[in-house]
ModelCIF file with pLDDT and N, C-alpha, C, O atoms, coordinates in Angstrom:
data_MODEL
#
_entry.id   MODEL 
#
_entity.id                         1 
_entity.type                       polymer 
_entity.pdbx_number_of_molecules   1 
#
_entity_poly.entity_id                      1 
_entity_poly.type                           'polypeptide(L)' 
_entity_poly.nstd_linkage                   no 
_entity_poly.nstd_monomer                   no 
_entity_poly.pdbx_seq_one_letter_code       
;(UNK)(UNK)(UNK)(UNK)(UNK)(UNK)(UNK)(UNK)(UNK)(UNK)(UNK)(UNK)(UNK)(UNK)(UNK)(UNK)
(UNK)(UNK)(UNK)(UNK)(UNK)(UNK)(UNK)(UNK)(UNK)(UNK)(UNK)(UNK)(UNK)(UNK)(UNK)(UNK)
(UNK)(UNK)(UNK)(UNK)(UNK)(UNK)(UNK)(UNK)(UNK)
;
_entity_poly.pdbx_seq_one_letter_code_can   XXXXXXXXXXXXXXXXXXXXXXXXXXXXXXXXXXXXXXXXX 
_entity_poly.pdbx_strand_id                 A 
#
loop_
_entity_poly_seq.entity_id 
_entity_poly_seq.num 
_entity_poly_seq.mon_id 
_entity_poly_seq.hetero 
1 1  UNK n 
1 2  UNK n 
1 3  UNK n 
1 4  UNK n 
1 5  UNK n 
1 6  UNK n 
1 7  UNK n 
1 8  UNK n 
1 9  UNK n 
1 10 UNK n 
1 11 UNK n 
1 12 UNK n 
1 13 UNK n 
1 14 UNK n 
1 15 UNK n 
1 16 UNK n 
1 17 UNK n 
1 18 UNK n 
1 19 UNK n 
1 20 UNK n 
1 21 UNK n 
1 22 UNK n 
1 23 UNK n 
1 24 UNK n 
1 25 UNK n 
1 26 UNK n 
1 27 UNK n 
1 28 UNK n 
1 29 UNK n 
1 30 UNK n 
1 31 UNK n 
1 32 UNK n 
1 33 UNK n 
1 34 UNK n 
1 35 UNK n 
1 36 UNK n 
1 37 UNK n 
1 38 UNK n 
1 39 UNK n 
1 40 UNK n 
1 41 UNK n 
#
_struct_asym.id          A 
_struct_asym.entity_id   1 
#
loop_
_ma_qa_metric.id 
_ma_qa_metric.mode 
_ma_qa_metric.name 
_ma_qa_metric.software_group_id 
_ma_qa_metric.type 
1 global pLDDT . pLDDT 
2 local  pLDDT . pLDDT 
#
_ma_qa_metric_global.metric_id      1 
_ma_qa_metric_global.metric_value   96.85 
_ma_qa_metric_global.model_id       1 
_ma_qa_metric_global.ordinal_id     1 
#
loop_
_ma_qa_metric_local.label_asym_id 
_ma_qa_metric_local.label_comp_id 
_ma_qa_metric_local.label_seq_id 
_ma_qa_metric_local.metric_id 
_ma_qa_metric_local.metric_value 
_ma_qa_metric_local.model_id 
_ma_qa_metric_local.ordinal_id 
A UNK 1  2 98.00 1 1  
A UNK 2  2 98.00 1 2  
A UNK 3  2 98.00 1 3  
A UNK 4  2 98.00 1 4  
A UNK 5  2 98.00 1 5  
A UNK 6  2 97.00 1 6  
A UNK 7  2 97.00 1 7  
A UNK 8  2 96.00 1 8  
A UNK 9  2 96.00 1 9  
A UNK 10 2 96.00 1 10 
A UNK 11 2 97.00 1 11 
A UNK 12 2 98.00 1 12 
A UNK 13 2 98.00 1 13 
A UNK 14 2 98.00 1 14 
A UNK 15 2 98.00 1 15 
A UNK 16 2 98.00 1 16 
A UNK 17 2 98.00 1 17 
A UNK 18 2 98.00 1 18 
A UNK 19 2 98.00 1 19 
A UNK 20 2 98.00 1 20 
A UNK 21 2 98.00 1 21 
A UNK 22 2 98.00 1 22 
A UNK 23 2 98.00 1 23 
A UNK 24 2 98.00 1 24 
A UNK 25 2 98.00 1 25 
A UNK 26 2 98.00 1 26 
A UNK 27 2 98.00 1 27 
A UNK 28 2 98.00 1 28 
A UNK 29 2 98.00 1 29 
A UNK 30 2 98.00 1 30 
A UNK 31 2 98.00 1 31 
A UNK 32 2 98.00 1 32 
A UNK 33 2 97.00 1 33 
A UNK 34 2 96.00 1 34 
A UNK 35 2 94.00 1 35 
A UNK 36 2 94.00 1 36 
A UNK 37 2 92.00 1 37 
A UNK 38 2 91.00 1 38 
A UNK 39 2 92.00 1 39 
A UNK 40 2 93.00 1 40 
A UNK 41 2 95.00 1 41 
#
loop_
_atom_site.group_PDB 
_atom_site.id 
_atom_site.type_symbol 
_atom_site.label_atom_id 
_atom_site.label_alt_id 
_atom_site.label_comp_id 
_atom_site.label_asym_id 
_atom_site.label_entity_id 
_atom_site.label_seq_id 
_atom_site.pdbx_PDB_ins_code 
_atom_site.Cartn_x 
_atom_site.Cartn_y 
_atom_site.Cartn_z 
_atom_site.occupancy 
_atom_site.B_iso_or_equiv 
_atom_site.pdbx_formal_charge 
_atom_site.auth_seq_id 
_atom_site.auth_comp_id 
_atom_site.auth_asym_id 
_atom_site.auth_atom_id 
_atom_site.pdbx_PDB_model_num 
ATOM 1   N N  . UNK A 1 1  ? 22.895 -49.838 29.474 1.00 98.00 ? 1  UNK A N  1 
ATOM 2   C CA . UNK A 1 1  ? 23.632 -50.527 30.522 1.00 98.00 ? 1  UNK A CA 1 
ATOM 3   C C  . UNK A 1 1  ? 22.881 -50.331 31.834 1.00 98.00 ? 1  UNK A C  1 
ATOM 4   O O  . UNK A 1 1  ? 22.476 -49.215 32.159 1.00 98.00 ? 1  UNK A O  1 
ATOM 5   N N  . UNK A 1 2  ? 22.695 -51.408 32.585 1.00 98.00 ? 2  UNK A N  1 
ATOM 6   C CA . UNK A 1 2  ? 22.012 -51.346 33.882 1.00 98.00 ? 2  UNK A CA 1 
ATOM 7   C C  . UNK A 1 2  ? 23.052 -51.498 34.984 1.00 98.00 ? 2  UNK A C  1 
ATOM 8   O O  . UNK A 1 2  ? 23.881 -52.407 34.953 1.00 98.00 ? 2  UNK A O  1 
ATOM 9   N N  . UNK A 1 3  ? 22.994 -50.584 35.969 1.00 98.00 ? 3  UNK A N  1 
ATOM 10  C CA . UNK A 1 3  ? 23.941 -50.600 37.089 1.00 98.00 ? 3  UNK A CA 1 
ATOM 11  C C  . UNK A 1 3  ? 23.146 -50.484 38.384 1.00 98.00 ? 3  UNK A C  1 
ATOM 12  O O  . UNK A 1 3  ? 22.173 -49.734 38.455 1.00 98.00 ? 3  UNK A O  1 
ATOM 13  N N  . UNK A 1 4  ? 23.554 -51.212 39.387 1.00 98.00 ? 4  UNK A N  1 
ATOM 14  C CA . UNK A 1 4  ? 22.819 -51.232 40.647 1.00 98.00 ? 4  UNK A CA 1 
ATOM 15  C C  . UNK A 1 4  ? 22.895 -49.889 41.371 1.00 98.00 ? 4  UNK A C  1 
ATOM 16  O O  . UNK A 1 4  ? 23.969 -49.298 41.487 1.00 98.00 ? 4  UNK A O  1 
ATOM 17  N N  . UNK A 1 5  ? 21.753 -49.417 41.854 1.00 98.00 ? 5  UNK A N  1 
ATOM 18  C CA . UNK A 1 5  ? 21.671 -48.237 42.706 1.00 98.00 ? 5  UNK A CA 1 
ATOM 19  C C  . UNK A 1 5  ? 20.299 -48.179 43.348 1.00 98.00 ? 5  UNK A C  1 
ATOM 20  O O  . UNK A 1 5  ? 19.285 -48.411 42.690 1.00 98.00 ? 5  UNK A O  1 
ATOM 21  N N  . UNK A 1 6  ? 20.269 -47.867 44.647 1.00 97.00 ? 6  UNK A N  1 
ATOM 22  C CA . UNK A 1 6  ? 19.020 -47.671 45.369 1.00 97.00 ? 6  UNK A CA 1 
ATOM 23  C C  . UNK A 1 6  ? 18.936 -46.199 45.753 1.00 97.00 ? 6  UNK A C  1 
ATOM 24  O O  . UNK A 1 6  ? 19.723 -45.720 46.569 1.00 97.00 ? 6  UNK A O  1 
ATOM 25  N N  . UNK A 1 7  ? 17.989 -45.489 45.167 1.00 97.00 ? 7  UNK A N  1 
ATOM 26  C CA . UNK A 1 7  ? 17.926 -44.040 45.276 1.00 97.00 ? 7  UNK A CA 1 
ATOM 27  C C  . UNK A 1 7  ? 17.758 -43.552 46.711 1.00 97.00 ? 7  UNK A C  1 
ATOM 28  O O  . UNK A 1 7  ? 18.197 -42.448 47.035 1.00 97.00 ? 7  UNK A O  1 
ATOM 29  N N  . UNK A 1 8  ? 17.141 -44.337 47.566 1.00 96.00 ? 8  UNK A N  1 
ATOM 30  C CA . UNK A 1 8  ? 16.906 -43.877 48.930 1.00 96.00 ? 8  UNK A CA 1 
ATOM 31  C C  . UNK A 1 8  ? 18.067 -44.214 49.866 1.00 96.00 ? 8  UNK A C  1 
ATOM 32  O O  . UNK A 1 8  ? 18.064 -43.801 51.026 1.00 96.00 ? 8  UNK A O  1 
ATOM 33  N N  . UNK A 1 9  ? 19.045 -44.951 49.380 1.00 96.00 ? 9  UNK A N  1 
ATOM 34  C CA . UNK A 1 9  ? 20.203 -45.357 50.181 1.00 96.00 ? 9  UNK A CA 1 
ATOM 35  C C  . UNK A 1 9  ? 21.387 -44.463 49.833 1.00 96.00 ? 9  UNK A C  1 
ATOM 36  O O  . UNK A 1 9  ? 21.949 -44.602 48.746 1.00 96.00 ? 9  UNK A O  1 
ATOM 37  N N  . UNK A 1 10 ? 21.789 -43.543 50.727 1.00 96.00 ? 10 UNK A N  1 
ATOM 38  C CA . UNK A 1 10 ? 22.875 -42.610 50.403 1.00 96.00 ? 10 UNK A CA 1 
ATOM 39  C C  . UNK A 1 10 ? 24.172 -43.303 49.984 1.00 96.00 ? 10 UNK A C  1 
ATOM 40  O O  . UNK A 1 10 ? 24.858 -42.825 49.080 1.00 96.00 ? 10 UNK A O  1 
ATOM 41  N N  . UNK A 1 11 ? 24.514 -44.410 50.619 1.00 97.00 ? 11 UNK A N  1 
ATOM 42  C CA . UNK A 1 11 ? 25.754 -45.108 50.277 1.00 97.00 ? 11 UNK A CA 1 
ATOM 43  C C  . UNK A 1 11 ? 25.672 -45.687 48.869 1.00 97.00 ? 11 UNK A C  1 
ATOM 44  O O  . UNK A 1 11 ? 26.643 -45.633 48.115 1.00 97.00 ? 11 UNK A O  1 
ATOM 45  N N  . UNK A 1 12 ? 24.519 -46.238 48.515 1.00 98.00 ? 12 UNK A N  1 
ATOM 46  C CA . UNK A 1 12 ? 24.341 -46.806 47.187 1.00 98.00 ? 12 UNK A CA 1 
ATOM 47  C C  . UNK A 1 12 ? 24.450 -45.730 46.109 1.00 98.00 ? 12 UNK A C  1 
ATOM 48  O O  . UNK A 1 12 ? 25.083 -45.941 45.075 1.00 98.00 ? 12 UNK A O  1 
ATOM 49  N N  . UNK A 1 13 ? 23.829 -44.576 46.356 1.00 98.00 ? 13 UNK A N  1 
ATOM 50  C CA . UNK A 1 13 ? 23.914 -43.462 45.405 1.00 98.00 ? 13 UNK A CA 1 
ATOM 51  C C  . UNK A 1 13 ? 25.352 -43.000 45.257 1.00 98.00 ? 13 UNK A C  1 
ATOM 52  O O  . UNK A 1 13 ? 25.823 -42.773 44.143 1.00 98.00 ? 13 UNK A O  1 
ATOM 53  N N  . UNK A 1 14 ? 26.043 -42.862 46.362 1.00 98.00 ? 14 UNK A N  1 
ATOM 54  C CA . UNK A 1 14 ? 27.432 -42.388 46.324 1.00 98.00 ? 14 UNK A CA 1 
ATOM 55  C C  . UNK A 1 14 ? 28.315 -43.353 45.544 1.00 98.00 ? 14 UNK A C  1 
ATOM 56  O O  . UNK A 1 14 ? 29.120 -42.926 44.716 1.00 98.00 ? 14 UNK A O  1 
ATOM 57  N N  . UNK A 1 15 ? 28.172 -44.645 45.800 1.00 98.00 ? 15 UNK A N  1 
ATOM 58  C CA . UNK A 1 15 ? 29.008 -45.638 45.109 1.00 98.00 ? 15 UNK A CA 1 
ATOM 59  C C  . UNK A 1 15 ? 28.754 -45.594 43.601 1.00 98.00 ? 15 UNK A C  1 
ATOM 60  O O  . UNK A 1 15 ? 29.699 -45.583 42.812 1.00 98.00 ? 15 UNK A O  1 
ATOM 61  N N  . UNK A 1 16 ? 27.482 -45.570 43.202 1.00 98.00 ? 16 UNK A N  1 
ATOM 62  C CA . UNK A 1 16 ? 27.164 -45.506 41.777 1.00 98.00 ? 16 UNK A CA 1 
ATOM 63  C C  . UNK A 1 16 ? 27.777 -44.272 41.132 1.00 98.00 ? 16 UNK A C  1 
ATOM 64  O O  . UNK A 1 16 ? 28.441 -44.372 40.100 1.00 98.00 ? 16 UNK A O  1 
ATOM 65  N N  . UNK A 1 17 ? 27.557 -43.108 41.739 1.00 98.00 ? 17 UNK A N  1 
ATOM 66  C CA . UNK A 1 17 ? 28.004 -41.858 41.124 1.00 98.00 ? 17 UNK A CA 1 
ATOM 67  C C  . UNK A 1 17 ? 29.524 -41.742 41.133 1.00 98.00 ? 17 UNK A C  1 
ATOM 68  O O  . UNK A 1 17 ? 30.115 -41.305 40.146 1.00 98.00 ? 17 UNK A O  1 
ATOM 69  N N  . UNK A 1 18 ? 30.148 -42.117 42.209 1.00 98.00 ? 18 UNK A N  1 
ATOM 70  C CA . UNK A 1 18 ? 31.615 -42.027 42.277 1.00 98.00 ? 18 UNK A CA 1 
ATOM 71  C C  . UNK A 1 18 ? 32.278 -42.956 41.271 1.00 98.00 ? 18 UNK A C  1 
ATOM 72  O O  . UNK A 1 18 ? 33.308 -42.612 40.691 1.00 98.00 ? 18 UNK A O  1 
ATOM 73  N N  . UNK A 1 19 ? 31.701 -44.120 41.064 1.00 98.00 ? 19 UNK A N  1 
ATOM 74  C CA . UNK A 1 19 ? 32.260 -45.039 40.067 1.00 98.00 ? 19 UNK A CA 1 
ATOM 75  C C  . UNK A 1 19 ? 32.163 -44.460 38.668 1.00 98.00 ? 19 UNK A C  1 
ATOM 76  O O  . UNK A 1 19 ? 33.078 -44.615 37.860 1.00 98.00 ? 19 UNK A O  1 
ATOM 77  N N  . UNK A 1 20 ? 31.050 -43.791 38.382 1.00 98.00 ? 20 UNK A N  1 
ATOM 78  C CA . UNK A 1 20 ? 30.932 -43.171 37.064 1.00 98.00 ? 20 UNK A CA 1 
ATOM 79  C C  . UNK A 1 20 ? 31.942 -42.042 36.919 1.00 98.00 ? 20 UNK A C  1 
ATOM 80  O O  . UNK A 1 20 ? 32.620 -41.953 35.895 1.00 98.00 ? 20 UNK A O  1 
ATOM 81  N N  . UNK A 1 21 ? 32.051 -41.195 37.906 1.00 98.00 ? 21 UNK A N  1 
ATOM 82  C CA . UNK A 1 21 ? 32.993 -40.076 37.843 1.00 98.00 ? 21 UNK A CA 1 
ATOM 83  C C  . UNK A 1 21 ? 34.424 -40.594 37.680 1.00 98.00 ? 21 UNK A C  1 
ATOM 84  O O  . UNK A 1 21 ? 35.227 -39.994 36.965 1.00 98.00 ? 21 UNK A O  1 
ATOM 85  N N  . UNK A 1 22 ? 34.736 -41.696 38.339 1.00 98.00 ? 22 UNK A N  1 
ATOM 86  C CA . UNK A 1 22 ? 36.094 -42.251 38.279 1.00 98.00 ? 22 UNK A CA 1 
ATOM 87  C C  . UNK A 1 22 ? 36.477 -42.723 36.884 1.00 98.00 ? 22 UNK A C  1 
ATOM 88  O O  . UNK A 1 22 ? 37.665 -42.854 36.586 1.00 98.00 ? 22 UNK A O  1 
ATOM 89  N N  . UNK A 1 23 ? 35.495 -42.982 36.021 1.00 98.00 ? 23 UNK A N  1 
ATOM 90  C CA . UNK A 1 23 ? 35.823 -43.398 34.653 1.00 98.00 ? 23 UNK A CA 1 
ATOM 91  C C  . UNK A 1 23 ? 36.395 -42.244 33.835 1.00 98.00 ? 23 UNK A C  1 
ATOM 92  O O  . UNK A 1 23 ? 37.038 -42.468 32.810 1.00 98.00 ? 23 UNK A O  1 
ATOM 93  N N  . UNK A 1 24 ? 36.163 -41.017 34.281 1.00 98.00 ? 24 UNK A N  1 
ATOM 94  C CA . UNK A 1 24 ? 36.628 -39.848 33.543 1.00 98.00 ? 24 UNK A CA 1 
ATOM 95  C C  . UNK A 1 24 ? 35.768 -39.498 32.351 1.00 98.00 ? 24 UNK A C  1 
ATOM 96  O O  . UNK A 1 24 ? 36.121 -38.618 31.567 1.00 98.00 ? 24 UNK A O  1 
ATOM 97  N N  . UNK A 1 25 ? 34.631 -40.182 32.202 1.00 98.00 ? 25 UNK A N  1 
ATOM 98  C CA . UNK A 1 25 ? 33.746 -39.920 31.059 1.00 98.00 ? 25 UNK A CA 1 
ATOM 99  C C  . UNK A 1 25 ? 32.861 -38.712 31.338 1.00 98.00 ? 25 UNK A C  1 
ATOM 100 O O  . UNK A 1 25 ? 32.437 -38.511 32.476 1.00 98.00 ? 25 UNK A O  1 
ATOM 101 N N  . UNK A 1 26 ? 32.580 -37.913 30.326 1.00 98.00 ? 26 UNK A N  1 
ATOM 102 C CA . UNK A 1 26 ? 31.618 -36.815 30.504 1.00 98.00 ? 26 UNK A CA 1 
ATOM 103 C C  . UNK A 1 26 ? 30.195 -37.344 30.554 1.00 98.00 ? 26 UNK A C  1 
ATOM 104 O O  . UNK A 1 26 ? 29.889 -38.378 29.960 1.00 98.00 ? 26 UNK A O  1 
ATOM 105 N N  . UNK A 1 27 ? 29.334 -36.638 31.257 1.00 98.00 ? 27 UNK A N  1 
ATOM 106 C CA . UNK A 1 27 ? 27.917 -36.973 31.305 1.00 98.00 ? 27 UNK A CA 1 
ATOM 107 C C  . UNK A 1 27 ? 27.150 -35.853 30.626 1.00 98.00 ? 27 UNK A C  1 
ATOM 108 O O  . UNK A 1 27 ? 27.119 -34.725 31.117 1.00 98.00 ? 27 UNK A O  1 
ATOM 109 N N  . UNK A 1 28 ? 26.533 -36.167 29.497 1.00 98.00 ? 28 UNK A N  1 
ATOM 110 C CA . UNK A 1 28 ? 25.879 -35.146 28.684 1.00 98.00 ? 28 UNK A CA 1 
ATOM 111 C C  . UNK A 1 28 ? 24.434 -34.890 29.088 1.00 98.00 ? 28 UNK A C  1 
ATOM 112 O O  . UNK A 1 28 ? 23.949 -33.762 28.994 1.00 98.00 ? 28 UNK A O  1 
ATOM 113 N N  . UNK A 1 29 ? 23.748 -35.934 29.536 1.00 98.00 ? 29 UNK A N  1 
ATOM 114 C CA . UNK A 1 29 ? 22.352 -35.791 29.944 1.00 98.00 ? 29 UNK A CA 1 
ATOM 115 C C  . UNK A 1 29 ? 22.106 -36.586 31.219 1.00 98.00 ? 29 UNK A C  1 
ATOM 116 O O  . UNK A 1 29 ? 22.475 -37.756 31.315 1.00 98.00 ? 29 UNK A O  1 
ATOM 117 N N  . UNK A 1 30 ? 21.485 -35.945 32.182 1.00 98.00 ? 30 UNK A N  1 
ATOM 118 C CA . UNK A 1 30 ? 21.063 -36.619 33.407 1.00 98.00 ? 30 UNK A CA 1 
ATOM 119 C C  . UNK A 1 30 ? 19.559 -36.419 33.530 1.00 98.00 ? 30 UNK A C  1 
ATOM 120 O O  . UNK A 1 30 ? 19.090 -35.296 33.711 1.00 98.00 ? 30 UNK A O  1 
ATOM 121 N N  . UNK A 1 31 ? 18.809 -37.507 33.430 1.00 98.00 ? 31 UNK A N  1 
ATOM 122 C CA . UNK A 1 31 ? 17.356 -37.435 33.474 1.00 98.00 ? 31 UNK A CA 1 
ATOM 123 C C  . UNK A 1 31 ? 16.877 -38.122 34.750 1.00 98.00 ? 31 UNK A C  1 
ATOM 124 O O  . UNK A 1 31 ? 17.069 -39.324 34.936 1.00 98.00 ? 31 UNK A O  1 
ATOM 125 N N  . UNK A 1 32 ? 16.256 -37.343 35.615 1.00 98.00 ? 32 UNK A N  1 
ATOM 126 C CA . UNK A 1 32 ? 15.847 -37.812 36.942 1.00 98.00 ? 32 UNK A CA 1 
ATOM 127 C C  . UNK A 1 32 ? 14.363 -38.137 36.904 1.00 98.00 ? 32 UNK A C  1 
ATOM 128 O O  . UNK A 1 32 ? 13.516 -37.307 37.232 1.00 98.00 ? 32 UNK A O  1 
ATOM 129 N N  . UNK A 1 33 ? 14.068 -39.367 36.495 1.00 97.00 ? 33 UNK A N  1 
ATOM 130 C CA . UNK A 1 33 ? 12.698 -39.779 36.215 1.00 97.00 ? 33 UNK A CA 1 
ATOM 131 C C  . UNK A 1 33 ? 12.118 -40.677 37.299 1.00 97.00 ? 33 UNK A C  1 
ATOM 132 O O  . UNK A 1 33 ? 10.905 -40.882 37.342 1.00 97.00 ? 33 UNK A O  1 
ATOM 133 N N  . UNK A 1 34 ? 12.958 -41.213 38.171 1.00 96.00 ? 34 UNK A N  1 
ATOM 134 C CA . UNK A 1 34 ? 12.476 -42.136 39.200 1.00 96.00 ? 34 UNK A CA 1 
ATOM 135 C C  . UNK A 1 34 ? 11.651 -41.390 40.239 1.00 96.00 ? 34 UNK A C  1 
ATOM 136 O O  . UNK A 1 34 ? 11.840 -40.195 40.462 1.00 96.00 ? 34 UNK A O  1 
ATOM 137 N N  . UNK A 1 35 ? 10.742 -42.107 40.864 1.00 94.00 ? 35 UNK A N  1 
ATOM 138 C CA . UNK A 1 35 ? 9.967  -41.488 41.928 1.00 94.00 ? 35 UNK A CA 1 
ATOM 139 C C  . UNK A 1 35 ? 8.955  -42.447 42.516 1.00 94.00 ? 35 UNK A C  1 
ATOM 140 O O  . UNK A 1 35 ? 8.680  -43.509 41.958 1.00 94.00 ? 35 UNK A O  1 
ATOM 141 N N  . UNK A 1 36 ? 8.405  -42.052 43.653 1.00 94.00 ? 36 UNK A N  1 
ATOM 142 C CA . UNK A 1 36 ? 7.329  -42.796 44.283 1.00 94.00 ? 36 UNK A CA 1 
ATOM 143 C C  . UNK A 1 36 ? 6.194  -41.818 44.563 1.00 94.00 ? 36 UNK A C  1 
ATOM 144 O O  . UNK A 1 36 ? 6.421  -40.613 44.664 1.00 94.00 ? 36 UNK A O  1 
ATOM 145 N N  . UNK A 1 37 ? 4.969  -42.337 44.690 1.00 92.00 ? 37 UNK A N  1 
ATOM 146 C CA . UNK A 1 37 ? 3.819  -41.466 44.863 1.00 92.00 ? 37 UNK A CA 1 
ATOM 147 C C  . UNK A 1 37 ? 2.841  -42.034 45.894 1.00 92.00 ? 37 UNK A C  1 
ATOM 148 O O  . UNK A 1 37 ? 2.371  -43.163 45.760 1.00 92.00 ? 37 UNK A O  1 
ATOM 149 N N  . UNK A 1 38 ? 2.550  -41.260 46.892 1.00 91.00 ? 38 UNK A N  1 
ATOM 150 C CA . UNK A 1 38 ? 1.520  -41.476 47.910 1.00 91.00 ? 38 UNK A CA 1 
ATOM 151 C C  . UNK A 1 38 ? 1.552  -42.839 48.595 1.00 91.00 ? 38 UNK A C  1 
ATOM 152 O O  . UNK A 1 38 ? 0.507  -43.472 48.741 1.00 91.00 ? 38 UNK A O  1 
ATOM 153 N N  . UNK A 1 39 ? 2.741  -43.309 49.025 1.00 92.00 ? 39 UNK A N  1 
ATOM 154 C CA . UNK A 1 39 ? 2.757  -44.536 49.826 1.00 92.00 ? 39 UNK A CA 1 
ATOM 155 C C  . UNK A 1 39 ? 2.366  -44.222 51.274 1.00 92.00 ? 39 UNK A C  1 
ATOM 156 O O  . UNK A 1 39 ? 2.310  -43.054 51.659 1.00 92.00 ? 39 UNK A O  1 
ATOM 157 N N  . UNK A 1 40 ? 2.097  -45.246 52.068 1.00 93.00 ? 40 UNK A N  1 
ATOM 158 C CA . UNK A 1 40 ? 1.971  -45.013 53.512 1.00 93.00 ? 40 UNK A CA 1 
ATOM 159 C C  . UNK A 1 40 ? 3.278  -44.414 54.053 1.00 93.00 ? 40 UNK A C  1 
ATOM 160 O O  . UNK A 1 40 ? 4.335  -44.562 53.439 1.00 93.00 ? 40 UNK A O  1 
ATOM 161 N N  . UNK A 1 41 ? 3.197  -43.755 55.180 1.00 95.00 ? 41 UNK A N  1 
ATOM 162 C CA . UNK A 1 41 ? 4.373  -43.103 55.753 1.00 95.00 ? 41 UNK A CA 1 
ATOM 163 C C  . UNK A 1 41 ? 5.509  -44.094 55.980 1.00 95.00 ? 41 UNK A C  1 
ATOM 164 O O  . UNK A 1 41 ? 6.576  -43.711 56.458 1.00 95.00 ? 41 UNK A O  1 
#
């Protein structure tokens, strides 16, 4: 399942995570694989 979230936007992260928590479902694995490397400042 794909759900919208922008990792650098605090509001977007909060909305995604709070919606998941609100379902009452357990989360068994959280894999933090996203990232960026050596962009301009």
